[in-house]
C-alpha atoms as a PDB file:
ATOM      1  CA  MET A   1     -25.025  28.669  48.069  1.00  0.00           C
ATOM      2  CA  SER A   2     -22.396  31.550  48.444  1.00  0.00           C
ATOM      3  CA  PRO A   3     -20.936  33.277  45.410  1.00  0.00           C
ATOM      4  CA  LEU A   4     -17.532  31.713  46.188  1.00  0.00           C
ATOM      5  CA  ALA A   5     -19.013  28.243  46.432  1.00  0.00           C
ATOM      6  CA  ARG A   6     -20.754  28.761  43.170  1.00  0.00           C
ATOM      7  CA  LEU A   7     -17.516  29.967  41.597  1.00  0.00           C
ATOM      8  CA  ARG A   8     -15.761  26.848  42.865  1.00  0.00           C
ATOM      9  CA  ALA A   9     -18.530  24.571  41.653  1.00  0.00           C
ATOM     10  CA  PHE A  10     -18.330  26.091  38.130  1.00  0.00           C
ATOM     11  CA  ILE A  11     -14.480  25.971  37.894  1.00  0.00           C
ATOM     12  CA  ALA A  12     -14.674  22.295  38.973  1.00  0.00           C
ATOM     13  CA  ALA A  13     -17.403  21.478  36.324  1.00  0.00           C
ATOM     14  CA  ARG A  14     -15.507  23.410  33.600  1.00  0.00           C
ATOM     15  CA  ASN A  15     -12.239  21.483  34.473  1.00  0.00           C
ATOM     16  CA  GLU A  16     -14.076  18.162  34.259  1.00  0.00           C
ATOM     17  CA  TYR A  17     -15.640  19.194  31.014  1.00  0.00           C
ATOM     18  CA  ARG A  18     -12.201  19.981  29.603  1.00  0.00           C
ATOM     19  CA  ARG A  19     -10.788  16.751  30.700  1.00  0.00           C
ATOM     20  CA  GLU A  20     -13.546  14.778  29.075  1.00  0.00           C
ATOM     21  CA  LEU A  21     -13.228  16.875  25.890  1.00  0.00           C
ATOM     22  CA  ARG A  22      -9.448  16.255  25.707  1.00  0.00           C
ATOM     23  CA  ARG A  23     -10.042  12.540  26.168  1.00  0.00           C
ATOM     24  CA  THR A  24     -12.786  12.290  23.563  1.00  0.00           C
ATOM     25  CA  ARG A  25     -10.695  14.363  21.144  1.00  0.00           C
ATOM     26  CA  GLN A  26      -7.768  11.979  21.692  1.00  0.00           C
ATOM     27  CA  LEU A  27      -9.896   8.902  21.113  1.00  0.00           C
ATOM     28  CA  HIS A  28     -11.247  10.465  17.918  1.00  0.00           C
ATOM     29  CA  LEU A  29      -7.812  11.299  16.569  1.00  0.00           C
ATOM     30  CA  ASP A  30      -5.914   8.196  17.895  1.00  0.00           C
ATOM     31  CA  PRO A  31      -7.177   4.791  16.804  1.00  0.00           C
ATOM     32  CA  VAL A  32      -4.843   2.972  19.195  1.00  0.00           C
ATOM     33  CA  ALA A  33      -6.294   4.880  22.081  1.00  0.00           C
ATOM     34  CA  LEU A  34      -9.749   4.018  20.801  1.00  0.00           C
ATOM     35  CA  PHE A  35      -8.932   0.356  20.678  1.00  0.00           C
ATOM     36  CA  ILE A  36      -7.638   0.582  24.356  1.00  0.00           C
ATOM     37  CA  ALA A  37     -10.756   2.283  25.416  1.00  0.00           C
ATOM     38  CA  GLU A  38     -13.196  -0.170  23.592  1.00  0.00           C
ATOM     39  CA  ARG A  39     -11.313  -3.441  23.917  1.00  0.00           C
ATOM     40  CA  THR A  40      -9.355  -3.421  27.196  1.00  0.00           C
ATOM     41  CA  ARG A  41     -10.310  -3.083  30.845  1.00  0.00           C
ATOM     42  CA  ARG A  42      -8.395  -3.048  34.042  1.00  0.00           C
ATOM     43  CA  CYS A  43      -8.254  -6.534  35.691  1.00  0.00           C
ATOM     44  CA  PRO A  44      -5.901  -6.813  38.741  1.00  0.00           C
ATOM     45  CA  GLY A  45      -3.811  -9.985  38.584  1.00  0.00           C
ATOM     46  CA  SER A  46      -4.374 -10.645  34.873  1.00  0.00           C
ATOM     47  CA  VAL A  47      -1.346 -11.137  32.733  1.00  0.00           C
ATOM     48  CA  ILE A  48      -1.601 -11.223  28.961  1.00  0.00           C
ATOM     49  CA  PRO A  49       1.295 -11.796  26.393  1.00  0.00           C
ATOM     50  CA  ALA A  50       1.997  -8.783  24.363  1.00  0.00           C
ATOM     51  CA  PRO A  51       1.686 -10.716  21.016  1.00  0.00           C
ATOM     52  CA  LEU A  52      -1.918 -11.599  21.924  1.00  0.00           C
ATOM     53  CA  ILE A  53      -2.934  -8.067  22.617  1.00  0.00           C
ATOM     54  CA  TYR A  54      -1.199  -6.901  19.436  1.00  0.00           C
ATOM     55  CA  ARG A  55      -2.937  -9.680  17.377  1.00  0.00           C
ATOM     56  CA  GLU A  56      -6.376  -8.492  18.700  1.00  0.00           C
ATOM     57  CA  TYR A  57      -5.373  -4.835  18.005  1.00  0.00           C
ATOM     58  CA  ALA A  58      -4.413  -5.720  14.396  1.00  0.00           C
ATOM     59  CA  ARG A  59      -7.872  -7.566  13.920  1.00  0.00           C
ATOM     60  CA  TRP A  60      -9.728  -4.574  15.295  1.00  0.00           C
ATOM     61  CA  SER A  61      -7.825  -2.105  13.324  1.00  0.00           C
ATOM     62  CA  GLU A  62      -8.444  -4.022  10.017  1.00  0.00           C
ATOM     63  CA  ALA A  63     -12.078  -4.458  10.848  1.00  0.00           C
ATOM     64  CA  ASN A  64     -12.447  -0.723  11.585  1.00  0.00           C
ATOM     65  CA  GLY A  65     -10.557   0.247   8.456  1.00  0.00           C
ATOM     66  CA  THR A  66      -7.672   1.960  10.239  1.00  0.00           C
ATOM     67  CA  PHE A  67      -3.961   1.661   9.561  1.00  0.00           C
ATOM     68  CA  VAL A  68      -2.389  -1.058  11.722  1.00  0.00           C
ATOM     69  CA  ARG A  69       0.252   0.815  13.827  1.00  0.00           C
ATOM     70  CA  THR A  70       3.403  -1.132  14.949  1.00  0.00           C
ATOM     71  CA  PRO A  71       3.722  -3.161  18.253  1.00  0.00           C
ATOM     72  CA  ILE A  72       5.868  -0.464  19.580  1.00  0.00           C
ATOM     73  CA  ARG A  73       3.073   2.297  19.098  1.00  0.00           C
ATOM     74  CA  LEU A  74       0.616  -0.028  20.883  1.00  0.00           C
ATOM     75  CA  ALA A  75       3.106  -0.648  23.670  1.00  0.00           C
ATOM     76  CA  LEU A  76       3.636   3.134  24.116  1.00  0.00           C
ATOM     77  CA  ALA A  77      -0.206   3.763  24.228  1.00  0.00           C
ATOM     78  CA  LEU A  78      -0.743   0.960  26.733  1.00  0.00           C
ATOM     79  CA  ALA A  79       1.981   2.442  28.977  1.00  0.00           C
ATOM     80  CA  GLN A  80       0.425   5.971  28.637  1.00  0.00           C
ATOM     81  CA  SER A  81      -2.887   4.450  29.598  1.00  0.00           C
ATOM     82  CA  GLY A  82      -1.419   3.275  32.950  1.00  0.00           C
ATOM     83  CA  TYR A  83      -0.824  -0.446  32.132  1.00  0.00           C
ATOM     84  CA  ARG A  84       2.447  -2.020  33.250  1.00  0.00           C
ATOM     85  CA  LYS A  85       4.520  -4.466  31.212  1.00  0.00           C
ATOM     86  CA  ARG A  86       6.616  -7.340  32.570  1.00  0.00           C
ATOM     87  CA  VAL A  87       9.583  -8.692  30.748  1.00  0.00           C
ATOM     88  CA  GLY A  88      10.877 -12.263  31.254  1.00  0.00           C
ATOM     89  CA  ASN A  89      10.078 -15.213  29.195  1.00  0.00           C
ATOM     90  CA  GLY A  90       8.555 -12.786  26.810  1.00  0.00           C
ATOM     91  CA  VAL A  91       6.737  -9.421  27.218  1.00  0.00           C
ATOM     92  CA  HIS A  92       3.515  -9.517  29.226  1.00  0.00           C
ATOM     93  CA  TRP A  93       1.043  -6.747  30.079  1.00  0.00           C
ATOM     94  CA  VAL A  94      -0.135  -6.811  33.675  1.00  0.00           C
ATOM     95  CA  ASP A  95      -3.535  -6.021  35.140  1.00  0.00           C
ATOM     96  CA  ILE A  96      -5.234  -5.860  31.812  1.00  0.00           C
ATOM     97  CA  ASP A  97      -7.993  -7.934  30.205  1.00  0.00           C
ATOM     98  CA  LEU A  98      -9.071  -7.976  26.508  1.00  0.00           C
ATOM     99  CA  LEU A  99     -12.729  -7.636  25.660  1.00  0.00           C
ATOM    100  CA  VAL A 100     -12.883  -9.832  22.647  1.00  0.00           C
ATOM    101  CA  GLU A 101     -15.863  -9.484  20.276  1.00  0.00           C
ATOM    102  CA  GLU A 102     -17.756 -12.747  19.579  1.00  0.00           C
ATOM    103  CA  PRO A 103     -17.606 -13.797  15.911  1.00  0.00           C
ATOM    104  CA  ARG A 104     -20.972 -13.183  14.005  1.00  0.00           C
END
């Protein structure tokens, strides 16, 4: 491998490491982002009412001992995560699925 190719590989690996570090740090500092990472997944075609997502978030937050943020804060975090909302006959989030924990 040439020195230039090794340098490019090193830079790519470093940038990937930094992206992962930022994502991990964000999850550690932001409970809403952690909820989204742990309890949602992309599911094309799925539509879920916003109140249902918020109800699950509030349950998760209380179970994990974190302060329950407002529905607006959850909506902002969902939008930042790339989810789209649809308004009409209530607010719904599109292409998202909830991973609901089974009761013990």
